[in-house]
Amino acid sequence: MTPPFDLVIFGGNGDLAMRKLLPALYHRHRAGSLCDDGRILAVSRSEMDRATYLNLAREALVAHLGSHFNERDWEKFAQRLDFHRVDANAPGHYSGLAMVLGENTGRVRVFYLSTSPDLFMNICRNLGQAGLVTPESRVVLEKPL
């Protein structure tokens, strides 16, 4: 089982997140591999609220998991999910992200950058300037070659 964590997925409503990341996380949730206190926060520049994001995520899981999708498991998994709008190039947006993550700096924070490589430097710089990088933080850069 994982320690308490915050997984922040930049590009959280993109193709990779919906087709690969969320299904994999859903499977780990169903298997009991994720601690109860683990949170998954999708961030993107898109204007949407949490309910809209959850509808998109549910539709993606149904489409990609087929018979492995279970409504009861989805309801529990959805409790882990949240959405927050962040323009990767707007430093001011990161203060809102800091409020969502809170002051609990002892949690493992994984920033998963499922974005264009052109944004990697700005995202990392803005995370640092907003005070979001802790000793427990990790950054994952996702780009197939």
N, C-alpha and C. Protein backbone atom coordinates (compact mmCIF):
# COMPACT_ATOMS: atom_id res chain seq x y z
N MET A 1 0.85 -1.18 0.00
CA MET A 1 0.00 0.00 0.00
C MET A 1 0.89 1.24 0.00
N THR A 2 0.44 2.27 -0.68
CA THR A 2 1.21 3.50 -0.79
C THR A 2 1.08 4.34 0.48
N PRO A 3 2.04 5.21 0.74
CA PRO A 3 1.86 6.21 1.81
C PRO A 3 0.87 7.26 1.32
N PRO A 4 0.36 8.13 2.21
CA PRO A 4 -0.53 9.21 1.77
C PRO A 4 0.16 10.03 0.67
N PHE A 5 -0.60 10.35 -0.37
CA PHE A 5 0.00 11.04 -1.51
C PHE A 5 -0.98 12.00 -2.16
N ASP A 6 -0.41 12.95 -2.88
CA ASP A 6 -1.14 13.82 -3.80
C ASP A 6 -0.50 13.62 -5.16
N LEU A 7 -1.26 13.11 -6.10
CA LEU A 7 -0.81 12.95 -7.48
C LEU A 7 -1.45 14.06 -8.29
N VAL A 8 -0.65 14.98 -8.78
CA VAL A 8 -1.14 16.12 -9.56
C VAL A 8 -0.78 15.85 -11.01
N ILE A 9 -1.81 15.68 -11.85
CA ILE A 9 -1.60 15.36 -13.26
C ILE A 9 -1.83 16.61 -14.10
N PHE A 10 -0.74 17.20 -14.58
CA PHE A 10 -0.86 18.31 -15.52
C PHE A 10 -1.25 17.72 -16.87
N GLY A 11 -2.26 18.32 -17.52
CA GLY A 11 -2.82 17.71 -18.72
C GLY A 11 -3.80 16.61 -18.32
N GLY A 12 -4.43 16.80 -17.18
CA GLY A 12 -5.27 15.77 -16.57
C GLY A 12 -6.52 15.40 -17.33
N ASN A 13 -6.90 16.19 -18.32
CA ASN A 13 -8.05 15.81 -19.14
C ASN A 13 -7.63 15.48 -20.57
N GLY A 14 -6.33 15.28 -20.76
CA GLY A 14 -5.80 14.94 -22.08
C GLY A 14 -5.91 13.47 -22.40
N ASP A 15 -5.53 13.13 -23.61
CA ASP A 15 -5.65 11.76 -24.11
C ASP A 15 -4.87 10.76 -23.26
N LEU A 16 -3.62 11.06 -22.94
CA LEU A 16 -2.81 10.13 -22.16
C LEU A 16 -3.43 9.87 -20.79
N ALA A 17 -3.87 10.92 -20.13
CA ALA A 17 -4.48 10.77 -18.81
C ALA A 17 -5.75 9.93 -18.88
N MET A 18 -6.58 10.22 -19.85
CA MET A 18 -7.87 9.52 -19.94
C MET A 18 -7.73 8.09 -20.45
N ARG A 19 -6.79 7.86 -21.33
CA ARG A 19 -6.66 6.54 -21.96
C ARG A 19 -5.76 5.59 -21.19
N LYS A 20 -4.74 6.14 -20.50
CA LYS A 20 -3.75 5.29 -19.84
C LYS A 20 -3.66 5.50 -18.32
N LEU A 21 -3.48 6.75 -17.89
CA LEU A 21 -3.23 7.00 -16.48
C LEU A 21 -4.42 6.68 -15.59
N LEU A 22 -5.59 7.23 -15.91
CA LEU A 22 -6.75 6.98 -15.07
C LEU A 22 -7.13 5.50 -15.03
N PRO A 23 -7.15 4.79 -16.17
CA PRO A 23 -7.43 3.35 -16.07
C PRO A 23 -6.43 2.61 -15.18
N ALA A 24 -5.15 2.95 -15.29
CA ALA A 24 -4.14 2.28 -14.46
C ALA A 24 -4.36 2.59 -12.98
N LEU A 25 -4.66 3.84 -12.67
CA LEU A 25 -4.92 4.23 -11.28
C LEU A 25 -6.20 3.58 -10.76
N TYR A 26 -7.21 3.50 -11.60
CA TYR A 26 -8.46 2.82 -11.22
C TYR A 26 -8.18 1.36 -10.88
N HIS A 27 -7.38 0.67 -11.68
CA HIS A 27 -7.02 -0.72 -11.40
C HIS A 27 -6.27 -0.83 -10.07
N ARG A 28 -5.33 0.09 -9.81
CA ARG A 28 -4.58 0.06 -8.55
C ARG A 28 -5.53 0.30 -7.37
N HIS A 29 -6.50 1.19 -7.56
CA HIS A 29 -7.50 1.46 -6.53
C HIS A 29 -8.31 0.19 -6.25
N ARG A 30 -8.80 -0.44 -7.29
CA ARG A 30 -9.60 -1.67 -7.13
C ARG A 30 -8.81 -2.77 -6.44
N ALA A 31 -7.52 -2.83 -6.72
CA ALA A 31 -6.67 -3.88 -6.13
C ALA A 31 -6.29 -3.57 -4.68
N GLY A 32 -6.64 -2.38 -4.20
CA GLY A 32 -6.31 -2.01 -2.83
C GLY A 32 -4.87 -1.55 -2.67
N SER A 33 -4.23 -1.18 -3.76
CA SER A 33 -2.82 -0.77 -3.72
C SER A 33 -2.62 0.69 -3.31
N LEU A 34 -3.68 1.48 -3.34
CA LEU A 34 -3.58 2.90 -3.01
C LEU A 34 -4.13 3.14 -1.60
N CYS A 35 -3.41 3.92 -0.81
CA CYS A 35 -3.89 4.22 0.54
C CYS A 35 -5.20 4.99 0.45
N ASP A 36 -6.00 4.88 1.50
CA ASP A 36 -7.29 5.56 1.51
C ASP A 36 -7.15 7.07 1.42
N ASP A 37 -6.01 7.59 1.86
CA ASP A 37 -5.78 9.02 1.91
C ASP A 37 -5.09 9.56 0.65
N GLY A 38 -5.01 8.77 -0.40
CA GLY A 38 -4.38 9.22 -1.63
C GLY A 38 -5.33 10.06 -2.47
N ARG A 39 -4.84 11.20 -2.95
CA ARG A 39 -5.66 12.09 -3.77
C ARG A 39 -5.07 12.21 -5.17
N ILE A 40 -5.95 12.32 -6.15
CA ILE A 40 -5.55 12.50 -7.54
C ILE A 40 -6.18 13.80 -8.02
N LEU A 41 -5.33 14.75 -8.37
CA LEU A 41 -5.80 16.06 -8.79
C LEU A 41 -5.41 16.29 -10.24
N ALA A 42 -6.40 16.35 -11.10
CA ALA A 42 -6.17 16.65 -12.51
C ALA A 42 -6.15 18.16 -12.67
N VAL A 43 -5.15 18.66 -13.36
CA VAL A 43 -5.09 20.09 -13.64
C VAL A 43 -4.93 20.30 -15.14
N SER A 44 -5.53 21.37 -15.61
CA SER A 44 -5.50 21.69 -17.03
C SER A 44 -5.91 23.14 -17.19
N ARG A 45 -5.65 23.68 -18.36
CA ARG A 45 -6.07 25.06 -18.63
C ARG A 45 -7.55 25.13 -19.01
N SER A 46 -8.19 23.99 -19.18
CA SER A 46 -9.60 23.95 -19.55
C SER A 46 -10.49 24.50 -18.44
N GLU A 47 -11.53 25.19 -18.86
CA GLU A 47 -12.54 25.69 -17.93
C GLU A 47 -13.55 24.58 -17.69
N MET A 48 -13.55 24.01 -16.50
CA MET A 48 -14.58 23.03 -16.13
C MET A 48 -14.61 22.91 -14.62
N ASP A 49 -15.69 22.37 -14.11
CA ASP A 49 -15.78 22.13 -12.68
C ASP A 49 -15.53 20.64 -12.40
N ARG A 50 -15.52 20.29 -11.14
CA ARG A 50 -15.23 18.92 -10.74
C ARG A 50 -16.25 17.94 -11.33
N ALA A 51 -17.52 18.30 -11.30
CA ALA A 51 -18.56 17.40 -11.81
C ALA A 51 -18.36 17.10 -13.29
N THR A 52 -18.01 18.11 -14.06
CA THR A 52 -17.76 17.91 -15.49
C THR A 52 -16.56 17.00 -15.69
N TYR A 53 -15.49 17.24 -14.90
CA TYR A 53 -14.31 16.38 -15.01
C TYR A 53 -14.65 14.94 -14.65
N LEU A 54 -15.41 14.75 -13.59
CA LEU A 54 -15.77 13.38 -13.20
C LEU A 54 -16.58 12.69 -14.29
N ASN A 55 -17.45 13.41 -14.95
CA ASN A 55 -18.21 12.82 -16.07
C ASN A 55 -17.27 12.39 -17.19
N LEU A 56 -16.30 13.25 -17.53
CA LEU A 56 -15.33 12.90 -18.57
C LEU A 56 -14.51 11.68 -18.16
N ALA A 57 -14.06 11.66 -16.92
CA ALA A 57 -13.24 10.54 -16.43
C ALA A 57 -14.04 9.25 -16.44
N ARG A 58 -15.29 9.30 -15.99
CA ARG A 58 -16.13 8.11 -15.97
C ARG A 58 -16.34 7.58 -17.39
N GLU A 59 -16.66 8.47 -18.31
CA GLU A 59 -16.85 8.06 -19.71
C GLU A 59 -15.59 7.41 -20.27
N ALA A 60 -14.44 7.97 -19.94
CA ALA A 60 -13.18 7.41 -20.43
C ALA A 60 -12.94 6.02 -19.85
N LEU A 61 -13.21 5.86 -18.57
CA LEU A 61 -13.01 4.55 -17.95
C LEU A 61 -13.96 3.51 -18.53
N VAL A 62 -15.20 3.87 -18.71
CA VAL A 62 -16.16 2.94 -19.31
C VAL A 62 -15.68 2.53 -20.70
N ALA A 63 -15.22 3.50 -21.48
CA ALA A 63 -14.78 3.23 -22.85
C ALA A 63 -13.53 2.36 -22.90
N HIS A 64 -12.59 2.59 -21.98
CA HIS A 64 -11.30 1.90 -22.06
C HIS A 64 -11.21 0.63 -21.21
N LEU A 65 -12.12 0.48 -20.25
CA LEU A 65 -12.06 -0.70 -19.38
C LEU A 65 -13.09 -1.76 -19.73
N GLY A 66 -14.15 -1.35 -20.41
CA GLY A 66 -15.18 -2.33 -20.78
C GLY A 66 -15.73 -3.05 -19.57
N SER A 67 -15.67 -4.37 -19.58
CA SER A 67 -16.27 -5.18 -18.51
C SER A 67 -15.51 -5.06 -17.19
N HIS A 68 -14.34 -4.45 -17.19
CA HIS A 68 -13.58 -4.27 -15.94
C HIS A 68 -14.05 -3.05 -15.15
N PHE A 69 -14.98 -2.28 -15.73
CA PHE A 69 -15.52 -1.13 -15.03
C PHE A 69 -16.63 -1.59 -14.11
N ASN A 70 -16.62 -1.07 -12.88
CA ASN A 70 -17.64 -1.41 -11.89
C ASN A 70 -18.13 -0.11 -11.26
N GLU A 71 -19.43 0.08 -11.27
CA GLU A 71 -20.01 1.34 -10.79
C GLU A 71 -19.69 1.60 -9.31
N ARG A 72 -19.76 0.59 -8.49
CA ARG A 72 -19.47 0.77 -7.06
C ARG A 72 -18.00 1.17 -6.84
N ASP A 73 -17.10 0.52 -7.56
CA ASP A 73 -15.69 0.89 -7.47
C ASP A 73 -15.46 2.30 -8.00
N TRP A 74 -16.17 2.66 -9.07
CA TRP A 74 -16.05 4.00 -9.60
C TRP A 74 -16.44 5.04 -8.55
N GLU A 75 -17.54 4.82 -7.84
CA GLU A 75 -18.01 5.78 -6.84
C GLU A 75 -16.92 6.03 -5.79
N LYS A 76 -16.25 4.99 -5.37
CA LYS A 76 -15.17 5.15 -4.37
C LYS A 76 -13.95 5.81 -5.00
N PHE A 77 -13.61 5.39 -6.22
CA PHE A 77 -12.46 5.97 -6.91
C PHE A 77 -12.69 7.47 -7.16
N ALA A 78 -13.90 7.83 -7.53
CA ALA A 78 -14.22 9.23 -7.83
C ALA A 78 -14.01 10.13 -6.62
N GLN A 79 -14.12 9.58 -5.42
CA GLN A 79 -13.89 10.38 -4.22
C GLN A 79 -12.44 10.85 -4.13
N ARG A 80 -11.53 10.14 -4.78
CA ARG A 80 -10.11 10.53 -4.81
C ARG A 80 -9.85 11.67 -5.79
N LEU A 81 -10.72 11.80 -6.79
CA LEU A 81 -10.46 12.68 -7.93
C LEU A 81 -10.94 14.10 -7.68
N ASP A 82 -10.16 15.04 -8.17
CA ASP A 82 -10.56 16.44 -8.15
C ASP A 82 -9.99 17.09 -9.40
N PHE A 83 -10.48 18.28 -9.70
CA PHE A 83 -10.00 19.02 -10.87
C PHE A 83 -9.75 20.46 -10.45
N HIS A 84 -8.68 21.03 -10.97
CA HIS A 84 -8.38 22.43 -10.72
C HIS A 84 -7.81 23.04 -12.00
N ARG A 85 -8.29 24.22 -12.35
CA ARG A 85 -7.80 24.88 -13.56
C ARG A 85 -6.47 25.55 -13.26
N VAL A 86 -5.47 25.22 -14.06
CA VAL A 86 -4.14 25.84 -13.97
C VAL A 86 -3.63 26.06 -15.38
N ASP A 87 -3.34 27.30 -15.71
CA ASP A 87 -2.63 27.60 -16.95
C ASP A 87 -1.15 27.45 -16.62
N ALA A 88 -0.51 26.48 -17.23
CA ALA A 88 0.88 26.15 -16.90
C ALA A 88 1.82 27.34 -17.01
N ASN A 89 1.49 28.29 -17.86
CA ASN A 89 2.36 29.45 -18.07
C ASN A 89 1.99 30.66 -17.23
N ALA A 90 0.99 30.51 -16.35
CA ALA A 90 0.53 31.64 -15.54
C ALA A 90 0.93 31.42 -14.08
N PRO A 91 2.01 32.05 -13.62
CA PRO A 91 2.47 31.83 -12.25
C PRO A 91 1.38 32.05 -11.19
N GLY A 92 0.48 32.98 -11.44
CA GLY A 92 -0.58 33.25 -10.47
C GLY A 92 -1.53 32.09 -10.25
N HIS A 93 -1.65 31.20 -11.21
CA HIS A 93 -2.54 30.06 -11.06
C HIS A 93 -2.01 29.05 -10.03
N TYR A 94 -0.73 29.07 -9.78
CA TYR A 94 -0.13 28.08 -8.89
C TYR A 94 -0.46 28.35 -7.43
N SER A 95 -0.81 29.58 -7.09
CA SER A 95 -1.23 29.86 -5.71
C SER A 95 -2.55 29.17 -5.42
N GLY A 96 -3.43 29.10 -6.42
CA GLY A 96 -4.67 28.35 -6.26
C GLY A 96 -4.41 26.86 -6.08
N LEU A 97 -3.43 26.35 -6.81
CA LEU A 97 -3.05 24.95 -6.66
C LEU A 97 -2.49 24.71 -5.27
N ALA A 98 -1.71 25.65 -4.76
CA ALA A 98 -1.16 25.53 -3.41
C ALA A 98 -2.28 25.46 -2.37
N MET A 99 -3.33 26.24 -2.57
CA MET A 99 -4.46 26.21 -1.64
C MET A 99 -5.15 24.85 -1.67
N VAL A 100 -5.29 24.28 -2.85
CA VAL A 100 -5.93 22.97 -2.98
C VAL A 100 -5.09 21.90 -2.29
N LEU A 101 -3.78 21.95 -2.49
CA LEU A 101 -2.90 20.94 -1.89
C LEU A 101 -2.76 21.13 -0.39
N GLY A 102 -2.87 22.35 0.08
CA GLY A 102 -2.78 22.61 1.51
C GLY A 102 -1.35 22.62 2.01
N GLU A 103 -1.24 22.71 3.30
CA GLU A 103 0.06 22.86 3.95
C GLU A 103 0.67 21.53 4.33
N ASN A 104 0.03 20.44 4.05
CA ASN A 104 0.52 19.13 4.47
C ASN A 104 1.73 18.72 3.64
N THR A 105 2.89 19.21 4.02
CA THR A 105 4.09 18.99 3.23
C THR A 105 4.73 17.63 3.49
N GLY A 106 4.21 16.86 4.44
CA GLY A 106 4.75 15.53 4.70
C GLY A 106 4.24 14.47 3.74
N ARG A 107 3.21 14.79 3.00
CA ARG A 107 2.66 13.85 2.02
C ARG A 107 3.59 13.74 0.81
N VAL A 108 3.60 12.60 0.20
CA VAL A 108 4.32 12.46 -1.06
C VAL A 108 3.53 13.24 -2.11
N ARG A 109 4.22 14.11 -2.84
CA ARG A 109 3.60 14.87 -3.92
C ARG A 109 4.26 14.45 -5.22
N VAL A 110 3.46 13.95 -6.12
CA VAL A 110 3.96 13.57 -7.44
C VAL A 110 3.32 14.51 -8.45
N PHE A 111 4.15 15.23 -9.17
CA PHE A 111 3.68 16.11 -10.24
C PHE A 111 3.95 15.39 -11.55
N TYR A 112 2.90 14.94 -12.18
CA TYR A 112 2.99 14.15 -13.41
C TYR A 112 2.71 15.10 -14.58
N LEU A 113 3.72 15.36 -15.38
CA LEU A 113 3.60 16.33 -16.47
C LEU A 113 3.26 15.61 -17.77
N SER A 114 1.98 15.48 -18.01
CA SER A 114 1.46 14.86 -19.22
C SER A 114 1.08 15.99 -20.19
N THR A 115 2.09 16.78 -20.55
CA THR A 115 1.89 17.97 -21.37
C THR A 115 2.94 18.00 -22.47
N SER A 116 2.87 19.02 -23.26
CA SER A 116 3.92 19.25 -24.26
C SER A 116 5.25 19.49 -23.55
N PRO A 117 6.33 18.93 -24.05
CA PRO A 117 7.65 19.18 -23.44
C PRO A 117 7.99 20.67 -23.37
N ASP A 118 7.40 21.48 -24.24
CA ASP A 118 7.64 22.92 -24.21
C ASP A 118 7.22 23.55 -22.89
N LEU A 119 6.33 22.88 -22.15
CA LEU A 119 5.82 23.42 -20.89
C LEU A 119 6.59 22.95 -19.66
N PHE A 120 7.43 21.94 -19.81
CA PHE A 120 8.10 21.33 -18.66
C PHE A 120 8.84 22.36 -17.80
N MET A 121 9.66 23.18 -18.42
CA MET A 121 10.46 24.15 -17.66
C MET A 121 9.59 25.15 -16.91
N ASN A 122 8.57 25.69 -17.59
CA ASN A 122 7.70 26.66 -16.94
C ASN A 122 6.94 26.04 -15.78
N ILE A 123 6.45 24.83 -15.97
CA ILE A 123 5.72 24.17 -14.89
C ILE A 123 6.63 23.97 -13.69
N CYS A 124 7.82 23.43 -13.91
CA CYS A 124 8.75 23.18 -12.80
C CYS A 124 9.14 24.49 -12.11
N ARG A 125 9.42 25.51 -12.88
CA ARG A 125 9.77 26.82 -12.31
C ARG A 125 8.61 27.36 -11.47
N ASN A 126 7.41 27.31 -12.01
CA ASN A 126 6.25 27.85 -11.30
C ASN A 126 5.92 27.04 -10.05
N LEU A 127 6.10 25.72 -10.11
CA LEU A 127 5.90 24.90 -8.91
C LEU A 127 6.86 25.33 -7.81
N GLY A 128 8.12 25.54 -8.17
CA GLY A 128 9.12 25.96 -7.20
C GLY A 128 8.82 27.33 -6.62
N GLN A 129 8.47 28.28 -7.49
CA GLN A 129 8.20 29.64 -7.04
C GLN A 129 6.97 29.71 -6.15
N ALA A 130 6.02 28.79 -6.34
CA ALA A 130 4.81 28.76 -5.52
C ALA A 130 5.01 28.00 -4.21
N GLY A 131 6.22 27.47 -4.00
CA GLY A 131 6.50 26.75 -2.77
C GLY A 131 5.87 25.37 -2.71
N LEU A 132 5.57 24.79 -3.86
CA LEU A 132 4.90 23.49 -3.90
C LEU A 132 5.86 22.31 -3.89
N VAL A 133 7.13 22.57 -4.10
CA VAL A 133 8.11 21.48 -4.12
C VAL A 133 8.64 21.28 -2.71
N THR A 134 8.47 20.07 -2.20
CA THR A 134 8.91 19.71 -0.86
C THR A 134 9.94 18.59 -0.98
N PRO A 135 10.58 18.22 0.12
CA PRO A 135 11.51 17.08 0.05
C PRO A 135 10.81 15.78 -0.37
N GLU A 136 9.49 15.73 -0.20
CA GLU A 136 8.73 14.53 -0.57
C GLU A 136 8.18 14.60 -2.00
N SER A 137 8.52 15.64 -2.74
CA SER A 137 7.98 15.83 -4.09
C SER A 137 8.79 15.06 -5.13
N ARG A 138 8.07 14.64 -6.16
CA ARG A 138 8.68 13.99 -7.32
C ARG A 138 8.04 14.58 -8.57
N VAL A 139 8.81 14.64 -9.64
CA VAL A 139 8.29 15.11 -10.93
C VAL A 139 8.47 13.99 -11.94
N VAL A 140 7.39 13.69 -12.65
CA VAL A 140 7.42 12.68 -13.71
C VAL A 140 7.18 13.40 -15.03
N LEU A 141 8.09 13.23 -15.97
CA LEU A 141 7.95 13.83 -17.30
C LEU A 141 7.50 12.74 -18.25
N GLU A 142 6.35 12.93 -18.85
CA GLU A 142 5.78 11.91 -19.73
C GLU A 142 5.78 12.38 -21.16
N LYS A 143 6.58 11.75 -21.95
CA LYS A 143 6.53 12.00 -23.40
C LYS A 143 7.11 10.79 -24.10
N PRO A 144 6.29 10.13 -24.88
CA PRO A 144 6.84 9.02 -25.66
C PRO A 144 7.79 9.55 -26.73
N LEU A 145 8.81 8.79 -27.01
CA LEU A 145 9.78 9.20 -28.03
C LEU A 145 9.38 8.73 -29.40
